[in-house]
Amino acid sequence: MIRSAIATWKGSPVIGEGLVTTSSGVIRNALYLPAGASTGGDPCTSPSEMLAAAVASCMSMMLARETSKLGLKPEFVKTESILTLEEQKGRWKITGIELHVTAGLPERERRALEKASKNAKAHCPISSALNVPITVFTELEVPLHEPVGA
């Protein structure tokens, strides 16, 4: 399987802007700027934001897979990815990614969810391709129809 994207940049590294399009067409001519740059209201993204989105979506998908292997059926899996980008010695560097994972499962499945979460991180092709510390925090969100003490 091959995935591709085309990114075009115009202007200087600081003042320029770019457009990115994915081969699927889901992202088409999306405006991107350097991290922290503002367009004054125009919706735009940045390479670091797109990476955060890739890690979050991969982790959610892999956790759904790993919980399924354990016979669990979460109502949902949600991952918030917080990517930290810092300037160090005149160069921008990703210094860490926090993944806050929430799954709709009964409280009795907490231990299984922790196991599935560790396996999901290990099997996520996006996070395993990165050379950056990734920390995962896992939470349960007990479904509303779940009786207390069940």
C-alpha atoms as a PDB file:
ATOM      1  CA  MET A   1       0.000   0.000   0.000  1.00  0.00           C
ATOM      2  CA  ILE A   2       1.327   3.406  -0.945  1.00  0.00           C
ATOM      3  CA  ARG A   3      -0.032   6.727   0.261  1.00  0.00           C
ATOM      4  CA  SER A   4       1.078  10.062  -1.117  1.00  0.00           C
ATOM      5  CA  ALA A   5       0.642  13.785  -0.770  1.00  0.00           C
ATOM      6  CA  ILE A   6       1.848  16.811  -2.691  1.00  0.00           C
ATOM      7  CA  ALA A   7       2.884  19.964  -0.882  1.00  0.00           C
ATOM      8  CA  THR A   8       3.803  23.207  -2.604  1.00  0.00           C
ATOM      9  CA  TRP A   9       5.490  26.136  -0.840  1.00  0.00           C
ATOM     10  CA  LYS A  10       5.713  29.706  -2.140  1.00  0.00           C
ATOM     11  CA  GLY A  11       7.679  32.512  -0.562  1.00  0.00           C
ATOM     12  CA  SER A  12      10.318  32.649   2.106  1.00  0.00           C
ATOM     13  CA  PRO A  13      10.512  30.089   4.920  1.00  0.00           C
ATOM     14  CA  VAL A  14       9.056  32.597   7.383  1.00  0.00           C
ATOM     15  CA  ILE A  15       6.586  34.652   5.335  1.00  0.00           C
ATOM     16  CA  GLY A  16       5.531  32.108   2.717  1.00  0.00           C
ATOM     17  CA  GLU A  17       2.615  29.734   2.589  1.00  0.00           C
ATOM     18  CA  GLY A  18       1.886  26.337   1.204  1.00  0.00           C
ATOM     19  CA  LEU A  19      -0.871  24.121  -0.143  1.00  0.00           C
ATOM     20  CA  VAL A  20      -1.102  20.400   0.521  1.00  0.00           C
ATOM     21  CA  THR A  21      -3.219  17.781  -1.247  1.00  0.00           C
ATOM     22  CA  THR A  22      -3.484  14.069  -0.484  1.00  0.00           C
ATOM     23  CA  SER A  23      -3.837  11.390  -3.128  1.00  0.00           C
ATOM     24  CA  SER A  24      -7.245  10.405  -1.726  1.00  0.00           C
ATOM     25  CA  GLY A  25      -8.499  13.941  -2.295  1.00  0.00           C
ATOM     26  CA  VAL A  26      -9.769  14.227   1.271  1.00  0.00           C
ATOM     27  CA  ILE A  27      -7.281  17.022   1.823  1.00  0.00           C
ATOM     28  CA  ARG A  28      -7.281  19.242  -1.237  1.00  0.00           C
ATOM     29  CA  ASN A  29      -5.252  22.421  -1.497  1.00  0.00           C
ATOM     30  CA  ALA A  30      -5.280  22.899   2.276  1.00  0.00           C
ATOM     31  CA  LEU A  31      -3.407  26.009   3.328  1.00  0.00           C
ATOM     32  CA  TYR A  32      -0.462  25.333   5.631  1.00  0.00           C
ATOM     33  CA  LEU A  33       1.899  27.692   7.384  1.00  0.00           C
ATOM     34  CA  PRO A  34       4.834  27.331   9.735  1.00  0.00           C
ATOM     35  CA  ALA A  35       3.794  26.358  13.265  1.00  0.00           C
ATOM     36  CA  GLY A  36       2.620  29.410  15.173  1.00  0.00           C
ATOM     37  CA  ALA A  37       2.056  31.550  12.084  1.00  0.00           C
ATOM     38  CA  SER A  38      -1.330  33.199  11.740  1.00  0.00           C
ATOM     39  CA  THR A  39      -3.287  34.213   8.671  1.00  0.00           C
ATOM     40  CA  GLY A  40      -5.644  36.533  10.501  1.00  0.00           C
ATOM     41  CA  GLY A  41      -8.610  34.196  10.380  1.00  0.00           C
ATOM     42  CA  ASP A  42      -8.022  32.047   7.302  1.00  0.00           C
ATOM     43  CA  PRO A  43      -8.351  28.368   8.211  1.00  0.00           C
ATOM     44  CA  CYS A  44      -4.989  26.698   7.875  1.00  0.00           C
ATOM     45  CA  THR A  45      -2.932  23.852   9.260  1.00  0.00           C
ATOM     46  CA  SER A  46       0.744  23.129   9.800  1.00  0.00           C
ATOM     47  CA  PRO A  47       2.920  20.074   9.253  1.00  0.00           C
ATOM     48  CA  SER A  48       3.045  19.477  13.024  1.00  0.00           C
ATOM     49  CA  GLU A  49      -0.755  19.664  13.295  1.00  0.00           C
ATOM     50  CA  MET A  50      -1.142  17.169  10.455  1.00  0.00           C
ATOM     51  CA  LEU A  51       1.320  14.846  12.222  1.00  0.00           C
ATOM     52  CA  ALA A  52      -0.650  15.156  15.470  1.00  0.00           C
ATOM     53  CA  ALA A  53      -3.805  14.247  13.530  1.00  0.00           C
ATOM     54  CA  ALA A  54      -2.076  11.248  11.943  1.00  0.00           C
ATOM     55  CA  VAL A  55      -0.907   9.908  15.312  1.00  0.00           C
ATOM     56  CA  ALA A  56      -4.343  10.427  16.910  1.00  0.00           C
ATOM     57  CA  SER A  57      -6.270   8.754  14.112  1.00  0.00           C
ATOM     58  CA  CYS A  58      -3.836   5.836  13.935  1.00  0.00           C
ATOM     59  CA  MET A  59      -3.980   5.291  17.691  1.00  0.00           C
ATOM     60  CA  SER A  60      -7.797   5.293  17.718  1.00  0.00           C
ATOM     61  CA  MET A  61      -7.880   2.798  14.865  1.00  0.00           C
ATOM     62  CA  MET A  62      -5.252   0.524  16.445  1.00  0.00           C
ATOM     63  CA  LEU A  63      -6.970   0.631  19.850  1.00  0.00           C
ATOM     64  CA  ALA A  64     -10.251  -0.423  18.224  1.00  0.00           C
ATOM     65  CA  ARG A  65      -8.330  -3.321  16.666  1.00  0.00           C
ATOM     66  CA  GLU A  66      -6.622  -4.322  19.919  1.00  0.00           C
ATOM     67  CA  THR A  67      -9.814  -4.155  22.006  1.00  0.00           C
ATOM     68  CA  SER A  68     -11.540  -6.319  19.394  1.00  0.00           C
ATOM     69  CA  LYS A  69      -8.800  -8.946  19.796  1.00  0.00           C
ATOM     70  CA  LEU A  70      -9.674  -9.041  23.509  1.00  0.00           C
ATOM     71  CA  GLY A  71     -13.374  -9.495  22.761  1.00  0.00           C
ATOM     72  CA  LEU A  72     -14.245  -5.927  23.806  1.00  0.00           C
ATOM     73  CA  LYS A  73     -16.611  -3.689  21.878  1.00  0.00           C
ATOM     74  CA  PRO A  74     -16.152  -0.077  22.941  1.00  0.00           C
ATOM     75  CA  GLU A  75     -18.966   2.280  21.989  1.00  0.00           C
ATOM     76  CA  PHE A  76     -16.245   4.644  20.767  1.00  0.00           C
ATOM     77  CA  VAL A  77     -12.514   5.278  20.888  1.00  0.00           C
ATOM     78  CA  LYS A  78     -11.331   8.891  20.969  1.00  0.00           C
ATOM     79  CA  THR A  79      -7.699  10.037  20.949  1.00  0.00           C
ATOM     80  CA  GLU A  80      -6.510  13.573  21.545  1.00  0.00           C
ATOM     81  CA  SER A  81      -2.938  14.089  20.371  1.00  0.00           C
ATOM     82  CA  ILE A  82      -0.909  16.917  21.899  1.00  0.00           C
ATOM     83  CA  LEU A  83       2.316  17.476  19.998  1.00  0.00           C
ATOM     84  CA  THR A  84       4.938  19.751  21.549  1.00  0.00           C
ATOM     85  CA  LEU A  85       7.104  21.690  19.124  1.00  0.00           C
ATOM     86  CA  GLU A  86       9.967  23.722  20.598  1.00  0.00           C
ATOM     87  CA  GLU A  87      12.700  25.878  19.167  1.00  0.00           C
ATOM     88  CA  GLN A  88      16.080  24.593  20.325  1.00  0.00           C
ATOM     89  CA  LYS A  89      19.326  26.200  19.234  1.00  0.00           C
ATOM     90  CA  GLY A  90      17.666  27.944  16.287  1.00  0.00           C
ATOM     91  CA  ARG A  91      15.910  24.801  15.072  1.00  0.00           C
ATOM     92  CA  TRP A  92      12.344  23.560  15.568  1.00  0.00           C
ATOM     93  CA  LYS A  93      12.056  20.127  17.131  1.00  0.00           C
ATOM     94  CA  ILE A  94       9.161  17.892  18.168  1.00  0.00           C
ATOM     95  CA  THR A  95       9.985  17.126  21.794  1.00  0.00           C
ATOM     96  CA  GLY A  96       7.077  14.879  22.663  1.00  0.00           C
ATOM     97  CA  ILE A  97       3.575  13.702  21.928  1.00  0.00           C
ATOM     98  CA  GLU A  98       0.910  13.004  24.524  1.00  0.00           C
ATOM     99  CA  LEU A  99      -1.989  10.794  23.542  1.00  0.00           C
ATOM    100  CA  HIS A 100      -5.117  11.050  25.677  1.00  0.00           C
ATOM    101  CA  VAL A 101      -7.202   8.009  24.780  1.00  0.00           C
ATOM    102  CA  THR A 102     -10.789   7.537  25.933  1.00  0.00           C
ATOM    103  CA  ALA A 103     -12.852   4.432  25.248  1.00  0.00           C
ATOM    104  CA  GLY A 104     -16.531   3.833  25.919  1.00  0.00           C
ATOM    105  CA  LEU A 105     -16.298   0.676  28.026  1.00  0.00           C
ATOM    106  CA  PRO A 106     -17.600  -0.526  31.384  1.00  0.00           C
ATOM    107  CA  GLU A 107     -15.386   0.063  34.426  1.00  0.00           C
ATOM    108  CA  ARG A 108     -14.705  -3.676  34.746  1.00  0.00           C
ATOM    109  CA  GLU A 109     -12.729  -3.514  31.469  1.00  0.00           C
ATOM    110  CA  ARG A 110     -10.146  -0.992  32.751  1.00  0.00           C
ATOM    111  CA  ARG A 111      -7.269  -3.487  32.953  1.00  0.00           C
ATOM    112  CA  ALA A 112      -8.007  -4.915  29.508  1.00  0.00           C
ATOM    113  CA  LEU A 113      -8.156  -1.401  28.083  1.00  0.00           C
ATOM    114  CA  GLU A 114      -4.733  -0.569  29.541  1.00  0.00           C
ATOM    115  CA  LYS A 115      -3.293  -3.700  27.898  1.00  0.00           C
ATOM    116  CA  ALA A 116      -4.959  -2.931  24.586  1.00  0.00           C
ATOM    117  CA  SER A 117      -3.680   0.650  24.750  1.00  0.00           C
ATOM    118  CA  LYS A 118      -0.052  -0.471  25.165  1.00  0.00           C
ATOM    119  CA  ASN A 119      -0.409  -2.895  22.271  1.00  0.00           C
ATOM    120  CA  ALA A 120      -2.063  -0.239  20.110  1.00  0.00           C
ATOM    121  CA  LYS A 121       0.833   2.164  20.653  1.00  0.00           C
ATOM    122  CA  ALA A 122       3.321  -0.584  19.761  1.00  0.00           C
ATOM    123  CA  HIS A 123       1.413  -1.531  16.581  1.00  0.00           C
ATOM    124  CA  CYS A 124       0.616   1.988  15.341  1.00  0.00           C
ATOM    125  CA  PRO A 125       2.740   2.454  12.198  1.00  0.00           C
ATOM    126  CA  ILE A 126       2.712   6.242  12.574  1.00  0.00           C
ATOM    127  CA  SER A 127       3.922   6.423  16.184  1.00  0.00           C
ATOM    128  CA  SER A 128       6.452   3.627  15.680  1.00  0.00           C
ATOM    129  CA  ALA A 129       7.962   5.548  12.738  1.00  0.00           C
ATOM    130  CA  LEU A 130       8.665   8.569  14.928  1.00  0.00           C
ATOM    131  CA  ASN A 131      11.806   9.142  16.961  1.00  0.00           C
ATOM    132  CA  VAL A 132      10.092  11.134  19.702  1.00  0.00           C
ATOM    133  CA  PRO A 133       8.804  10.245  23.176  1.00  0.00           C
ATOM    134  CA  ILE A 134       5.112   9.314  23.041  1.00  0.00           C
ATOM    135  CA  THR A 135       3.166   9.060  26.288  1.00  0.00           C
ATOM    136  CA  VAL A 136      -0.275   7.461  26.389  1.00  0.00           C
ATOM    137  CA  PHE A 137      -2.896   8.264  29.020  1.00  0.00           C
ATOM    138  CA  THR A 138      -5.908   5.952  28.915  1.00  0.00           C
ATOM    139  CA  GLU A 139      -9.350   6.705  30.346  1.00  0.00           C
ATOM    140  CA  LEU A 140     -12.667   4.905  30.449  1.00  0.00           C
ATOM    141  CA  GLU A 141     -15.940   6.621  29.795  1.00  0.00           C
ATOM    142  CA  VAL A 142     -18.584   4.350  31.221  1.00  0.00           C
ATOM    143  CA  PRO A 143     -21.550   4.060  28.837  1.00  0.00           C
ATOM    144  CA  LEU A 144     -24.757   5.641  30.138  1.00  0.00           C
ATOM    145  CA  HIS A 145     -26.679   2.386  29.907  1.00  0.00           C
ATOM    146  CA  GLU A 146     -24.069   0.536  32.010  1.00  0.00           C
ATOM    147  CA  PRO A 147     -25.475  -0.222  35.493  1.00  0.00           C
ATOM    148  CA  VAL A 148     -23.253   0.903  38.369  1.00  0.00           C
ATOM    149  CA  GLY A 149     -21.383  -2.038  39.885  1.00  0.00           C
ATOM    150  CA  ALA A 150     -22.007  -4.262  36.864  1.00  0.00           C
END
